[in-house]
Protein backbone atom coordinates (compact mmCIF):
# COMPACT_ATOMS: atom_id res chain seq x y z
CA MET A 1 -0.01 -0.01 0.01
CA LYS A 2 1.45 3.39 -0.94
CA SER A 3 1.98 5.96 1.76
CA GLY A 4 0.09 8.72 0.04
CA ILE A 5 -1.88 9.89 -2.98
CA LYS A 6 -1.17 12.96 -5.07
CA LEU A 7 -4.56 14.39 -5.89
CA ASN A 8 -2.96 16.55 -8.65
CA ARG A 9 -1.39 13.55 -10.47
CA PRO A 10 -3.95 13.69 -13.37
CA HIS A 11 -2.71 17.24 -14.10
CA PHE A 12 0.83 15.90 -14.27
CA TYR A 13 -0.26 13.46 -17.02
CA TYR A 14 -1.96 16.19 -19.02
CA ASN A 15 1.25 18.22 -18.98
CA PHE A 16 3.33 15.17 -19.95
CA MET A 17 1.00 14.44 -22.86
CA THR A 18 1.27 18.00 -24.10
CA VAL A 19 5.07 17.96 -24.10
CA THR A 20 5.16 14.57 -25.80
CA LEU A 21 2.78 15.64 -28.55
CA LEU A 22 4.77 18.75 -29.20
CA SER A 23 7.96 16.66 -29.48
CA TYR A 24 6.30 14.63 -32.27
CA ILE A 25 4.58 17.48 -34.02
CA SER A 26 7.56 19.83 -34.21
CA PRO A 27 9.68 17.69 -36.58
CA VAL A 28 6.64 16.85 -38.68
CA LEU A 29 5.82 20.50 -39.16
CA THR A 30 9.49 21.29 -39.96
CA SER A 31 9.71 18.41 -42.48
CA SER A 32 6.40 19.42 -44.04
CA ALA A 33 7.67 22.94 -44.58
CA HIS A 34 10.54 21.67 -46.73
CA ALA A 35 8.62 19.00 -48.64
CA ALA A 36 5.23 20.50 -49.20
CA GLY A 37 3.31 18.81 -51.98
CA SER A 38 5.62 15.78 -52.01
CA SER A 39 3.86 12.39 -51.86
CA ASP A 40 6.73 11.03 -49.76
CA ALA A 41 6.24 13.83 -47.26
CA ILE A 42 2.53 13.12 -47.06
CA ALA A 43 3.18 9.45 -46.43
CA MET A 44 5.73 10.25 -43.76
CA MET A 45 3.26 12.58 -42.01
CA GLU A 46 0.56 9.91 -42.07
CA LYS A 47 2.95 7.41 -40.54
CA GLN A 48 3.95 9.78 -37.79
CA ILE A 49 0.34 10.68 -37.07
CA HIS A 50 -0.56 6.97 -36.70
CA ALA A 51 2.40 6.54 -34.37
CA MET A 52 1.30 9.52 -32.27
CA GLN A 53 -2.25 8.22 -32.18
CA ALA A 54 -1.04 4.87 -30.86
CA GLN A 55 1.12 6.63 -28.25
CA LEU A 56 -1.86 8.80 -27.28
CA ASP A 57 -4.02 5.71 -26.78
CA VAL A 58 -1.43 4.20 -24.52
CA MET A 59 -1.20 7.39 -22.48
CA LYS A 60 -5.00 7.59 -22.18
CA LYS A 61 -5.12 4.04 -20.87
CA LYS A 62 -2.40 4.83 -18.31
CA GLN A 63 -4.25 7.98 -17.25
CA ALA A 64 -7.58 6.10 -16.89
CA ALA A 65 -5.85 3.41 -14.83
CA GLU A 66 -4.31 6.04 -12.54
CA ASN A 67 -7.64 7.80 -12.15
CA ARG A 68 -9.29 4.52 -11.17
CA ARG A 69 -6.52 3.88 -8.64
CA VAL A 70 -6.94 7.35 -7.10
CA ARG A 71 -10.73 6.97 -6.88
CA ALA A 72 -10.35 3.52 -5.35
CA GLU A 73 -7.91 4.85 -2.75
CA LEU A 74 -10.22 7.74 -1.86
CA ALA A 75 -13.17 5.35 -1.61
CA ARG A 76 -11.08 3.10 0.69
CA GLN A 77 -10.22 6.04 2.93
CA ARG A 78 -13.87 7.17 3.02
CA GLU A 79 -14.86 3.67 4.11
CA LEU A 80 -12.25 3.78 6.86
CA ILE A 81 -13.60 7.13 8.04
CA GLU A 82 -17.17 5.83 8.12
CA ALA A 83 -16.10 2.66 9.88
CA ASP A 84 -14.00 4.53 12.43
CA PRO A 85 -14.73 8.28 12.76
CA TYR A 86 -11.88 8.59 15.24
CA ALA A 87 -9.33 7.20 12.77
CA SER A 88 -6.27 9.39 12.37
CA ARG A 89 -4.25 10.10 9.28
CA ALA A 90 -1.98 7.27 10.48
CA ARG A 91 -4.65 4.61 9.99
CA LEU A 92 -5.75 6.07 6.66
CA LEU A 93 -2.15 5.84 5.44
CA GLY A 94 -1.51 2.42 6.91
CA GLN A 95 0.93 3.73 9.53
CA PRO A 96 1.13 2.51 13.15
CA ALA A 97 -0.89 4.72 15.49
CA THR A 98 0.31 6.19 18.76
CA GLY A 99 -1.50 8.19 21.41
CA PRO A 100 -5.08 7.98 22.72
CA TYR A 101 -6.78 8.70 19.41
CA GLY A 102 -4.28 7.37 16.92
CA THR A 103 -2.12 10.49 16.42
CA VAL A 104 1.24 9.89 14.76
CA PRO A 105 4.43 11.82 14.12
CA GLN A 106 4.63 14.42 11.36
CA ALA A 107 3.84 13.11 7.90
CA ARG A 108 6.82 12.05 5.82
CA ASN A 109 5.91 14.44 3.01
CA SER A 110 3.10 16.78 2.00
CA HIS A 111 1.48 14.10 -0.17
CA ASP A 112 0.82 11.84 2.86
CA ASP A 113 -1.83 14.28 4.14
CA VAL A 114 -4.51 13.39 1.63
CA PHE A 115 -7.33 15.37 3.31
CA GLY A 116 -5.27 18.25 4.69
CA LEU A 117 -5.75 17.13 8.28
CA GLY A 118 -2.23 17.58 9.59
CA ASP A 119 -1.72 15.46 12.69
CA ASN A 120 -5.37 15.75 13.84
CA ALA A 121 -7.89 12.94 13.91
CA ILE A 122 -10.68 12.94 11.33
CA LEU A 123 -13.35 13.46 14.03
CA SER A 124 -12.65 14.17 17.67
CA PRO A 125 -14.69 12.21 20.23
CA SER A 126 -18.11 13.68 20.99
CA ARG A 127 -18.74 15.74 24.12
CA THR A 128 -21.78 16.13 26.33
CA ALA A 129 -22.64 18.45 29.21
CA SER A 130 -20.33 17.71 32.17
CA THR A 131 -23.13 16.28 34.32
CA PRO A 132 -24.41 12.74 34.93
CA TYR A 133 -27.77 13.71 33.38
CA GLY A 134 -26.03 15.21 30.35
CA GLU A 135 -24.16 11.97 29.70
CA LEU A 136 -27.39 9.94 29.85
CA THR A 137 -29.38 12.27 27.59
CA ALA A 138 -26.64 13.45 25.17
CA ILE A 139 -27.05 17.15 26.02
CA PRO A 140 -24.45 19.31 24.20
CA PRO A 141 -21.85 20.88 26.49
CA ALA A 142 -22.36 24.24 28.19
CA HIS A 143 -18.84 25.41 27.35
CA PRO A 144 -18.26 25.77 23.58
CA ASP A 145 -15.19 24.64 21.67
CA LEU A 146 -15.68 26.64 18.50
CA TYR A 147 -12.01 26.49 17.49
CA SER A 148 -11.39 22.84 18.25
CA PRO A 149 -11.42 20.12 15.57
CA MET A 150 -14.83 18.97 14.48
CA ARG A 151 -16.40 16.41 16.80
CA ARG A 152 -18.73 13.53 16.18
CA GLY A 153 -22.27 14.83 15.72
CA GLN A 154 -21.13 18.30 14.61
CA LEU A 155 -21.53 20.23 11.35
CA GLN A 156 -19.95 23.50 10.24
CA ILE A 157 -21.93 25.95 8.11
CA GLY A 158 -19.87 29.01 7.50
CA GLY A 159 -19.04 30.47 10.89
CA VAL A 160 -21.83 28.56 12.68
CA ARG A 161 -21.15 25.24 14.36
CA LEU A 162 -24.09 22.85 14.81
CA THR A 163 -24.06 20.11 17.45
CA LEU A 164 -26.65 17.34 17.34
CA GLY A 165 -27.86 15.62 20.51
CA GLY A 166 -30.61 13.52 22.00
CA TYR A 167 -31.55 9.89 21.98
CA LEU A 168 -34.19 7.33 21.03
CA GLU A 169 -35.82 5.46 23.91
CA ALA A 170 -37.94 2.35 24.26
CA ALA A 171 -39.21 2.28 27.85
CA GLY A 172 -41.63 0.34 30.00
CA VAL A 173 -43.26 1.24 33.31
CA TRP A 174 -45.21 -0.79 35.86
CA ARG A 175 -47.06 0.79 38.80
CA SER A 176 -48.80 -0.98 41.65
CA ARG A 177 -51.66 1.57 41.54
CA ASN A 178 -53.19 2.73 38.30
CA SER A 179 -52.87 6.48 37.74
CA ALA A 180 -53.21 6.32 33.90
CA ALA A 181 -49.81 8.00 33.50
CA ASP A 182 -47.14 7.50 30.89
CA ILE A 183 -43.39 7.80 31.60
CA ALA A 184 -44.05 10.84 33.86
CA SER A 185 -45.80 9.84 37.07
CA ALA A 186 -48.51 11.99 38.68
CA TYR A 187 -47.26 11.82 42.28
CA ASN A 188 -50.12 13.86 43.69
CA GLY A 189 -52.52 11.82 41.53
CA ILE A 190 -51.79 8.41 43.13
CA PRO A 191 -55.31 7.10 43.80
CA TRP A 192 -56.71 6.85 47.31
CA HIS A 193 -58.20 3.56 48.47
CA ASN A 194 -61.78 4.65 47.86
CA GLN A 195 -61.01 4.71 44.14
CA PRO A 196 -61.14 1.42 42.15
CA ALA A 197 -57.91 2.39 40.38
CA SER A 198 -56.10 2.07 43.70
CA HIS A 199 -56.71 -1.69 43.61
CA MET A 200 -55.39 -2.17 40.06
CA SER A 201 -51.87 -2.09 38.71
CA GLU A 202 -50.86 -0.62 35.32
CA PHE A 203 -48.25 -1.34 32.65
CA HIS A 204 -47.28 0.82 29.68
CA GLN A 205 -44.66 0.78 26.97
CA THR A 206 -43.63 4.14 25.62
CA GLU A 207 -41.24 5.94 23.27
CA ARG A 208 -42.39 9.41 24.21
CA GLN A 209 -39.31 10.46 26.21
CA SER A 210 -37.17 10.13 23.07
CA ARG A 211 -35.45 13.45 22.59
CA LEU A 212 -34.06 15.57 19.75
CA ALA A 213 -31.61 18.38 20.44
CA LEU A 214 -29.74 20.95 18.34
CA LEU A 215 -27.20 23.52 19.44
CA ALA A 216 -26.04 26.32 17.09
CA GLU A 217 -23.00 28.39 18.08
CA GLY A 218 -21.04 31.21 16.54
CA MET A 219 -19.08 34.41 17.13
CA LEU A 220 -20.95 37.71 16.73
CA THR A 221 -17.83 39.76 17.39
CA ARG A 222 -14.26 38.98 18.48
CA LYS A 223 -15.40 38.58 22.10
CA LEU A 224 -19.15 37.97 21.94
CA GLU A 225 -20.40 34.42 21.40
CA ALA A 226 -23.99 33.47 20.64
CA ASP A 227 -25.81 30.18 20.79
CA ALA A 228 -29.30 28.87 20.24
CA TYR A 229 -30.51 25.60 21.75
CA VAL A 230 -33.64 23.59 20.99
CA GLU A 231 -34.66 20.40 22.80
CA THR A 232 -37.91 18.58 22.18
CA ASP A 233 -39.56 15.27 23.05
CA PHE A 234 -42.97 13.67 22.45
CA GLN A 235 -44.66 14.03 25.82
CA GLY A 236 -47.24 16.50 24.55
CA SER A 237 -50.78 15.35 23.84
CA GLY A 238 -53.42 16.75 21.53
CA SER A 239 -57.16 16.21 21.51
CA SER A 240 -56.75 13.15 19.26
CA SER A 241 -53.79 11.60 21.07
CA ASN A 242 -54.40 8.09 22.41
CA SER A 243 -52.68 4.76 22.92
CA ARG A 244 -55.28 2.56 21.22
CA GLN A 245 -54.14 2.36 17.61
CA SER A 246 -51.91 5.09 16.12
CA ASN A 247 -51.24 7.14 19.23
CA SER A 248 -50.43 10.52 17.62
CA TYR A 249 -48.71 12.09 20.58
CA VAL A 250 -47.21 15.42 19.66
CA PRO A 251 -43.79 17.04 20.13
CA ARG A 252 -43.42 19.64 22.87
CA ALA A 253 -40.97 22.45 23.55
CA ARG A 254 -38.81 21.23 26.44
CA VAL A 255 -36.08 23.83 26.10
CA VAL A 256 -35.87 26.64 23.55
CA TYR A 257 -33.55 29.58 24.22
CA GLY A 258 -30.81 31.82 22.94
CA GLU A 259 -27.69 33.06 24.76
CA LEU A 260 -25.13 35.81 24.51
CA LYS A 261 -21.78 35.01 26.13
CA ASP A 262 -19.03 37.48 26.94
CA ARG A 263 -16.50 35.11 28.47
CA ASP A 264 -13.75 37.75 28.78
CA ASP A 265 -15.94 39.88 31.10
CA GLY A 266 -17.89 36.96 32.58
CA TRP A 267 -21.40 37.93 31.45
CA TYR A 268 -23.99 35.43 30.24
CA LEU A 269 -27.47 36.51 29.11
CA LEU A 270 -30.23 33.98 28.35
CA GLY A 271 -33.72 34.47 26.96
CA GLY A 272 -36.32 31.80 26.22
CA GLN A 273 -37.51 28.62 27.88
CA SER A 274 -34.94 26.81 30.01
CA TRP A 275 -34.60 25.11 33.38
CA SER A 276 -35.40 27.55 36.18
CA LEU A 277 -32.43 29.19 37.87
CA ILE A 278 -33.78 27.59 41.05
CA THR A 279 -32.60 24.17 39.77
CA LEU A 280 -29.41 22.80 41.34
CA PHE A 281 -26.34 23.00 39.06
CA ASN A 282 -23.51 20.51 38.86
CA LYS A 283 -20.99 23.31 38.63
CA GLY A 284 -21.07 27.04 37.95
CA MET A 285 -24.37 28.48 36.76
CA LEU A 286 -24.38 27.99 32.97
CA ALA A 287 -27.31 26.55 31.02
CA ARG A 288 -27.06 22.79 30.30
CA ASP A 289 -25.02 22.23 33.48
CA GLU A 290 -28.12 21.48 35.63
CA GLN A 291 -27.83 18.63 38.16
CA THR A 292 -30.98 16.78 37.13
CA PRO A 293 -31.53 13.33 38.77
CA MET A 294 -30.35 10.36 36.71
CA VAL A 295 -33.67 8.57 36.87
CA ILE A 296 -35.66 7.08 33.98
CA GLU A 297 -38.81 8.63 35.48
CA ALA A 298 -39.70 11.76 33.47
CA GLN A 299 -41.21 13.46 36.53
CA TYR A 300 -37.88 13.01 38.34
CA VAL A 301 -37.96 12.67 42.17
CA PRO A 302 -40.06 14.38 44.89
CA GLY A 303 -37.93 17.02 46.54
CA PHE A 304 -36.21 18.03 43.29
CA ASN A 305 -36.78 21.75 42.70
CA TRP A 306 -37.30 22.79 39.09
CA THR A 307 -39.47 24.20 36.37
CA ARG A 308 -38.86 24.67 32.64
CA ASN A 309 -40.43 27.95 31.66
CA ALA A 310 -39.88 31.23 29.80
CA GLN A 311 -37.38 33.55 31.44
CA PHE A 312 -34.78 36.22 31.07
CA ARG A 313 -31.59 35.42 32.96
CA ALA A 314 -28.35 37.32 33.63
CA VAL A 315 -25.34 35.53 35.14
CA LYS A 316 -22.02 37.14 36.15
CA THR A 317 -18.98 34.95 36.76
CA PHE A 318 -15.81 35.99 38.56
CA GLY A 319 -12.19 35.04 37.93
CA ARG A 320 -10.50 33.43 34.99
CA GLU A 321 -11.62 29.96 36.06
CA GLU A 322 -15.18 31.18 36.81
CA ARG A 323 -15.23 29.54 40.23
CA TYR A 324 -17.84 31.97 41.56
CA ALA A 325 -21.05 33.28 40.00
CA THR A 326 -24.20 35.26 40.78
CA GLY A 327 -27.39 35.20 38.78
CA LEU A 328 -30.84 36.74 38.55
CA SER A 329 -33.73 35.28 36.59
CA ILE A 330 -37.09 36.85 35.77
CA GLU A 331 -39.39 33.88 35.17
CA ASN A 332 -42.90 33.34 33.85
CA PRO A 333 -45.34 32.94 36.74
CA SER A 334 -47.97 30.21 37.13
CA ALA A 335 -49.38 29.58 40.60
CA VAL A 336 -51.07 26.40 41.85
CA PRO A 337 -54.14 27.21 43.98
CA ALA A 338 -55.96 24.68 46.19
CA GLY A 339 -58.42 24.39 49.03
CA VAL A 340 -61.95 25.62 49.68
CA SER A 341 -62.90 29.32 49.51
CA PRO A 342 -65.85 30.99 51.22
CA CYS A 343 -67.17 31.90 47.77
CA SER A 344 -67.60 28.19 47.05
CA SER A 345 -70.73 28.40 49.22
CA THR A 346 -73.74 29.65 47.30
CA SER A 347 -75.06 31.36 50.42
CA ASN A 348 -72.18 33.92 50.31
CA HIS A 349 -73.20 35.33 46.90
CA CYS A 350 -69.66 35.96 45.69
CA ILE A 351 -67.28 34.76 43.05
CA THR A 352 -63.52 34.23 43.30
CA THR A 353 -61.40 34.87 40.20
CA ASP A 354 -57.86 33.51 40.46
CA ARG A 355 -57.69 31.59 37.19
CA LEU A 356 -58.96 31.79 33.63
CA THR A 357 -59.46 29.14 30.96
CA GLY A 358 -56.90 29.29 28.14
CA THR A 359 -57.84 31.04 24.92
CA ASN A 360 -56.24 31.57 21.49
CA VAL A 361 -52.94 29.59 21.44
CA ASN A 362 -53.21 28.67 25.14
CA ASN A 363 -54.62 25.31 26.13
CA PRO A 364 -58.44 25.56 26.49
CA SER A 365 -58.47 22.43 28.66
CA THR A 366 -56.55 23.95 31.57
CA TYR A 367 -56.36 27.17 33.58
CA TYR A 368 -54.00 30.13 33.75
CA THR A 369 -53.70 31.94 37.09
CA THR A 370 -53.98 35.70 37.46
CA ASP A 371 -50.47 36.37 38.78
CA PRO A 372 -49.63 40.09 38.55
CA ALA A 373 -45.84 39.85 38.17
CA PRO A 374 -43.04 37.41 37.26
CA ASP A 375 -41.25 35.16 39.72
CA LEU A 376 -37.81 36.47 40.72
CA VAL A 377 -35.04 33.93 41.38
CA ALA A 378 -31.53 34.91 42.61
CA LYS A 379 -28.60 32.59 43.17
CA ILE A 380 -24.98 32.59 44.29
CA ALA A 381 -22.78 29.63 43.32
CA ALA A 382 -19.27 28.65 44.30
CA ASP A 383 -16.82 25.99 43.09
CA PRO A 384 -13.86 26.61 45.45
CA GLY A 385 -11.98 23.49 44.41
CA TRP A 386 -13.76 20.68 46.21
CA GLY A 387 -17.48 20.47 45.60
CA HIS A 388 -20.12 22.78 44.29
CA TYR A 389 -22.25 25.01 46.58
CA GLU A 390 -25.31 27.21 46.06
CA VAL A 391 -27.55 29.64 47.93
CA THR A 392 -30.90 30.48 46.32
CA GLY A 393 -33.75 32.91 46.96
CA VAL A 394 -37.13 33.30 45.24
CA MET A 395 -39.93 35.91 45.37
CA ARG A 396 -43.45 35.33 44.04
CA PHE A 397 -46.62 37.40 43.60
CA PHE A 398 -50.19 36.00 43.87
CA ARG A 399 -53.51 37.71 43.21
CA ASP A 400 -57.21 36.92 43.15
CA ARG A 401 -60.39 38.99 43.05
CA THR A 402 -63.53 38.57 45.12
CA SER A 403 -66.62 39.88 43.35
CA THR A 404 -70.10 40.52 44.71
CA PRO A 405 -72.99 42.08 42.78
CA GLY A 406 -71.86 45.61 41.84
CA GLU A 407 -68.35 45.57 43.33
CA GLY A 408 -65.17 43.59 43.89
CA THR A 409 -61.82 43.58 45.66
CA ASN A 410 -58.37 42.41 44.49
CA HIS A 411 -56.11 40.59 46.93
CA THR A 412 -52.36 40.54 46.25
CA ARG A 413 -49.83 38.65 48.35
CA ILE A 414 -46.04 38.30 48.19
CA ALA A 415 -44.53 34.92 48.93
CA GLY A 416 -41.16 33.26 48.60
CA GLY A 417 -38.29 31.66 50.42
CA GLY A 418 -34.79 30.38 50.09
CA GLY A 419 -32.58 27.35 50.15
CA GLY A 420 -29.46 25.91 48.70
CA GLY A 421 -27.63 22.83 47.55
CA MET A 422 -24.32 21.09 47.10
CA VAL A 423 -22.61 18.41 45.03
CA LEU A 424 -19.64 16.74 46.73
CA PRO A 425 -17.12 14.33 45.16
CA LEU A 426 -16.68 11.83 48.01
CA ILE A 427 -14.47 9.64 45.84
CA ASP A 428 -13.33 11.51 42.74
CA ARG A 429 -15.03 10.15 39.62
CA LYS A 430 -16.37 7.20 41.61
CA LEU A 431 -18.86 8.41 44.24
CA TYR A 432 -20.77 11.68 44.63
CA PHE A 433 -23.22 13.10 47.17
CA GLN A 434 -25.79 15.79 46.47
CA ALA A 435 -28.33 17.60 48.60
CA SER A 436 -30.73 20.46 47.94
CA GLY A 437 -33.61 22.05 49.74
CA LEU A 438 -36.07 24.92 49.69
CA VAL A 439 -38.27 26.40 52.44
CA GLY A 440 -40.72 29.30 52.54
CA THR A 441 -44.27 30.15 51.51
CA GLY A 442 -45.94 29.60 48.16
CA LEU A 443 -43.22 27.30 46.75
CA GLY A 444 -45.29 24.26 45.72
CA ARG A 445 -44.90 24.94 42.01
CA TYR A 446 -41.13 24.47 42.25
CA GLY A 447 -41.36 20.93 43.65
CA THR A 448 -41.68 18.03 41.26
CA THR A 449 -44.99 16.87 42.80
CA ASN A 450 -46.67 20.18 41.98
CA MET A 451 -47.99 20.79 45.49
CA PRO A 452 -50.31 23.84 45.90
CA ASP A 453 -48.87 27.36 46.36
CA TYR A 454 -51.76 28.99 48.19
CA THR A 455 -55.27 28.59 49.52
CA TYR A 456 -57.99 31.04 50.60
CA GLY A 457 -58.42 32.97 53.84
CA ARG A 458 -61.28 35.00 55.20
CA ASN A 459 -62.85 37.30 52.66
CA ASN A 460 -61.39 34.90 50.12
CA ALA A 461 -57.96 36.54 50.27
CA VAL A 462 -54.97 34.66 48.88
CA THR A 463 -53.10 32.80 51.66
CA PRO A 464 -49.67 31.32 50.71
CA LEU A 465 -48.95 27.90 52.18
CA PRO A 466 -45.75 27.27 54.22
CA GLU A 467 -43.76 24.53 52.48
CA ALA A 468 -40.41 22.76 52.39
CA ASN A 469 -38.68 20.46 49.86
CA LEU A 470 -35.62 18.27 50.41
CA LEU A 471 -33.66 15.92 48.18
CA ILE A 472 -30.51 13.92 48.87
CA GLY A 473 -28.73 11.52 46.55
CA LEU A 474 -25.72 9.24 46.06
CA TYR A 475 -24.48 8.24 42.63
CA GLY A 476 -21.31 7.03 41.03
CA ASN A 477 -19.45 4.78 38.64
CA PRO A 478 -18.26 1.60 40.38
CA LEU A 479 -17.36 0.21 36.95
CA LYS A 480 -16.42 1.96 33.71
CA ASN A 481 -19.65 0.94 32.00
CA LEU A 482 -21.98 1.03 35.03
CA LYS A 483 -23.62 3.98 36.78
CA LEU A 484 -25.59 3.51 40.02
CA TYR A 485 -27.82 6.04 41.74
CA SER A 486 -30.14 6.40 44.71
CA TYR A 487 -32.28 9.34 45.84
CA ALA A 488 -34.60 10.13 48.71
CA GLY A 489 -36.81 13.19 48.72
CA ALA A 490 -39.91 14.73 50.18
CA GLU A 491 -42.18 17.73 49.72
CA THR A 492 -44.47 18.86 52.52
CA VAL A 493 -46.92 21.58 53.51
CA LEU A 494 -45.60 22.51 56.91
CA SER A 495 -48.86 23.58 58.54
CA ARG A 496 -52.56 24.04 57.89
CA ARG A 497 -54.13 27.24 56.64
CA ALA A 498 -57.81 26.78 57.49
CA PHE A 499 -60.75 28.33 59.29
CA ASP A 500 -64.45 27.72 59.97
CA GLU A 501 -67.21 30.18 59.31
CA GLY A 502 -70.65 29.26 60.54
CA SER A 503 -71.16 25.67 59.43
CA GLY A 504 -68.64 25.94 56.61
CA HIS A 505 -65.09 24.55 56.65
CA TYR A 506 -62.56 26.40 54.44
CA GLY A 507 -58.92 26.68 53.56
CA TYR A 508 -56.36 23.90 53.20
CA GLY A 509 -55.96 21.04 55.69
CA ASN A 510 -59.05 21.90 57.71
CA ARG A 511 -59.51 19.45 60.63
CA ASN A 512 -63.22 19.22 59.87
CA PHE A 513 -62.81 17.99 56.30
CA ASP A 514 -64.44 14.54 56.01
CA MET A 515 -61.91 11.71 55.55
CA ARG A 516 -64.07 8.79 56.73
CA GLY A 517 -64.51 7.23 53.28
CA CYS A 518 -60.90 7.26 52.11
CA SER A 519 -60.41 3.55 52.84
CA THR A 520 -63.79 2.34 51.55
CA GLU A 521 -64.10 1.58 47.85
CA LEU A 522 -66.57 3.85 46.02
CA ALA A 523 -67.09 6.02 49.12
CA THR A 524 -67.50 9.73 48.23
CA ASN A 525 -66.64 11.28 51.61
CA CYS A 526 -62.90 11.58 51.13
CA ALA A 527 -61.32 15.03 50.92
CA ALA A 528 -57.75 13.71 50.88
CA SER A 529 -56.88 14.51 47.25
CA GLY A 530 -57.37 18.24 47.87
CA ASN A 531 -55.47 18.29 51.18
CA ILE A 532 -52.20 16.45 50.60
CA ARG A 533 -49.60 17.19 53.25
CA THR A 534 -46.55 15.16 52.24
CA VAL A 535 -45.23 13.27 49.24
CA ALA A 536 -42.02 11.29 49.83
CA GLN A 537 -40.07 8.81 47.73
CA ALA A 538 -37.01 6.55 47.85
CA THR A 539 -35.66 5.33 44.54
CA GLY A 540 -32.61 3.66 43.06
CA GLY A 541 -31.44 2.32 39.75
CA PHE A 542 -28.65 1.76 37.25
CA TRP A 543 -27.47 2.66 33.77
CA TYR A 544 -25.31 0.16 31.90
CA THR A 545 -23.41 1.05 28.70
CA ALA A 546 -24.19 -2.06 26.67
CA ALA A 547 -22.39 -0.92 23.53
CA LYS A 548 -20.34 2.09 22.47
CA GLY A 549 -18.85 2.41 19.02
CA ASP A 550 -18.46 4.49 15.91
CA TYR A 551 -22.19 4.87 15.42
CA GLY A 552 -23.32 5.82 18.90
CA THR A 553 -24.01 4.45 22.37
CA LEU A 554 -26.60 1.97 23.65
CA LEU A 555 -27.69 2.37 27.31
CA VAL A 556 -29.79 -0.03 29.37
CA GLY A 557 -31.39 1.33 32.53
CA GLY A 558 -33.57 0.07 35.36
CA GLN A 559 -35.25 1.90 38.28
CA TYR A 560 -37.40 1.03 41.28
CA SER A 561 -39.20 3.55 43.47
CA HIS A 562 -41.56 3.57 46.44
CA THR A 563 -43.73 6.66 46.89
CA HIS A 564 -45.69 7.56 50.02
CA VAL A 565 -48.52 10.12 50.05
CA GLN A 566 -50.00 11.50 53.28
CA ALA A 567 -52.95 13.85 53.66
CA PHE A 568 -53.74 16.19 56.54
CA SER A 569 -55.88 14.53 59.21
CA GLY A 570 -59.58 15.28 59.34
CA ILE A 571 -62.76 13.71 60.56
CA GLY A 572 -62.15 9.96 60.30
CA GLY A 573 -58.35 9.94 60.50
CA LYS A 574 -55.25 10.71 58.46
CA PRO A 575 -55.51 9.10 54.99
CA LYS A 576 -52.48 7.79 53.18
CA SER A 577 -51.64 5.99 49.96
CA ASP A 578 -48.55 4.62 48.28
CA ALA A 579 -47.26 3.19 45.02
CA ASP A 580 -44.42 0.96 43.86
CA MET A 581 -43.01 1.61 40.42
CA VAL A 582 -40.57 -0.29 38.16
CA LEU A 583 -39.16 1.31 35.03
CA MET A 584 -36.91 -0.05 32.26
CA SER A 585 -35.23 1.89 29.45
CA PHE A 586 -33.23 1.17 26.30
CA ARG A 587 -31.61 4.32 24.90
CA TYR A 588 -29.71 4.76 21.67
CA GLN A 589 -27.60 7.90 21.39
CA PRO A 590 -26.60 8.18 17.71
CA PHE A 591 -24.35 11.25 18.16
CA ASN A 592 -22.61 10.36 21.42
């Protein structure tokens, strides 16, 4: 096998042919000039022309053979690239490889570098976000490498670099109590024992968590970077979506945002839909570095604080290594009301307005609360050298209106709280511990179980509920191809907000709410579903890398969880329910 191919070799043959032809033609023309009109001269010219024609045919055959050899060599090299995207110039040229990705010493001559690659590999290994969740879901990295060699799953269009991400999933879920959910469990919808569904299990197979992702990056100026990121899955449902024949579930916007990055000055501006700034990060405070639990469950784990919603975020980092950061996010509000209001009694002749049915492009099958201002989330993060640490604060604004014939009154309340979190490397690259928590009033929306934010006081005024969320976890890589994880979390309403007025019982967690039928099938006197106090869960699972090669990665995962739901006590006792869940997943990441 030759060490290299000269792509300009056909041009060399054309030049050689030209010189050769001229060497034949020159004496013919000279001879013809002296013997014009002579029959001997004409015969001699014909003989020389036939000889040149024969020589030309030989040269054409040699040129065609060389062209075929060049094309065959290029085809062979293309096949090698497709078979091994990480192949270096060494392998393409049949040389022994050295180094982690087959790099070799300088080429022997300029013709060895067929594709102009120098000493670089054809494609560098792919990268994901530097988080456990990013590795499992093939999320593109938070920190760009616009001037590095092209990586697997990347395209270059002018000055814009595109990175593909995501995965295809075939999953199955079994639950001991039937809540008619898909891959995302309704933790606050686990049926109570008076419901027939509580005495039936469920099993579903689903592909709907399969995810597509695209990151576009480029330089606007010498110091200002821009990126746009889109991430979508198929967990949306339209009016015709079903699981009976052709299910027709629709794509949804998980994450859609744009960023401006001034890395020299440490400023990062984000606008669009992303994870809330309240979410725990794995390091720093940059988008796509969120410390999301590693579970198969699409609703994650009780105690995990998050939303994905529209926002405008500004983050300032400090120092060349960006070990410290502060951030402020202005986020789209959407409260979760619950409980019984005095206006629910027809004898009070009033109406409470704290939500409206969606119109136009909003969903007409759900409600939108009348919040007067955005949620404000502030955070300080530190990565001093061992571990990651955060302190978080949030402020929220709630409003409703009580109307009676001829008049009405608005009620506005401010709620919020604070918390923090940490990620600690107990054994570097082998075992990690994480913990996060949040406490305050009106924080139910930010927990994964979607607990209520507020209830109603006297005169139907908004009354934020005192709440707390906590999540702890251990995860690690005991083997190169095996990831293990375990989490325990809980979300709770810390105390009741209730009152009695005449014979009526109002608010949230009222001691006079009737709970006597919660353990009797088909009984209707069970107020537990509207007065949940605590949702807690313990879960654990694994991810095994079954195959990893030139055309992607295949992951196999399994998870078990036990969830406990407790309501406030009322007349007849303190109702509770629970559910066991088993989930399995097969994920193919084509670009990772």
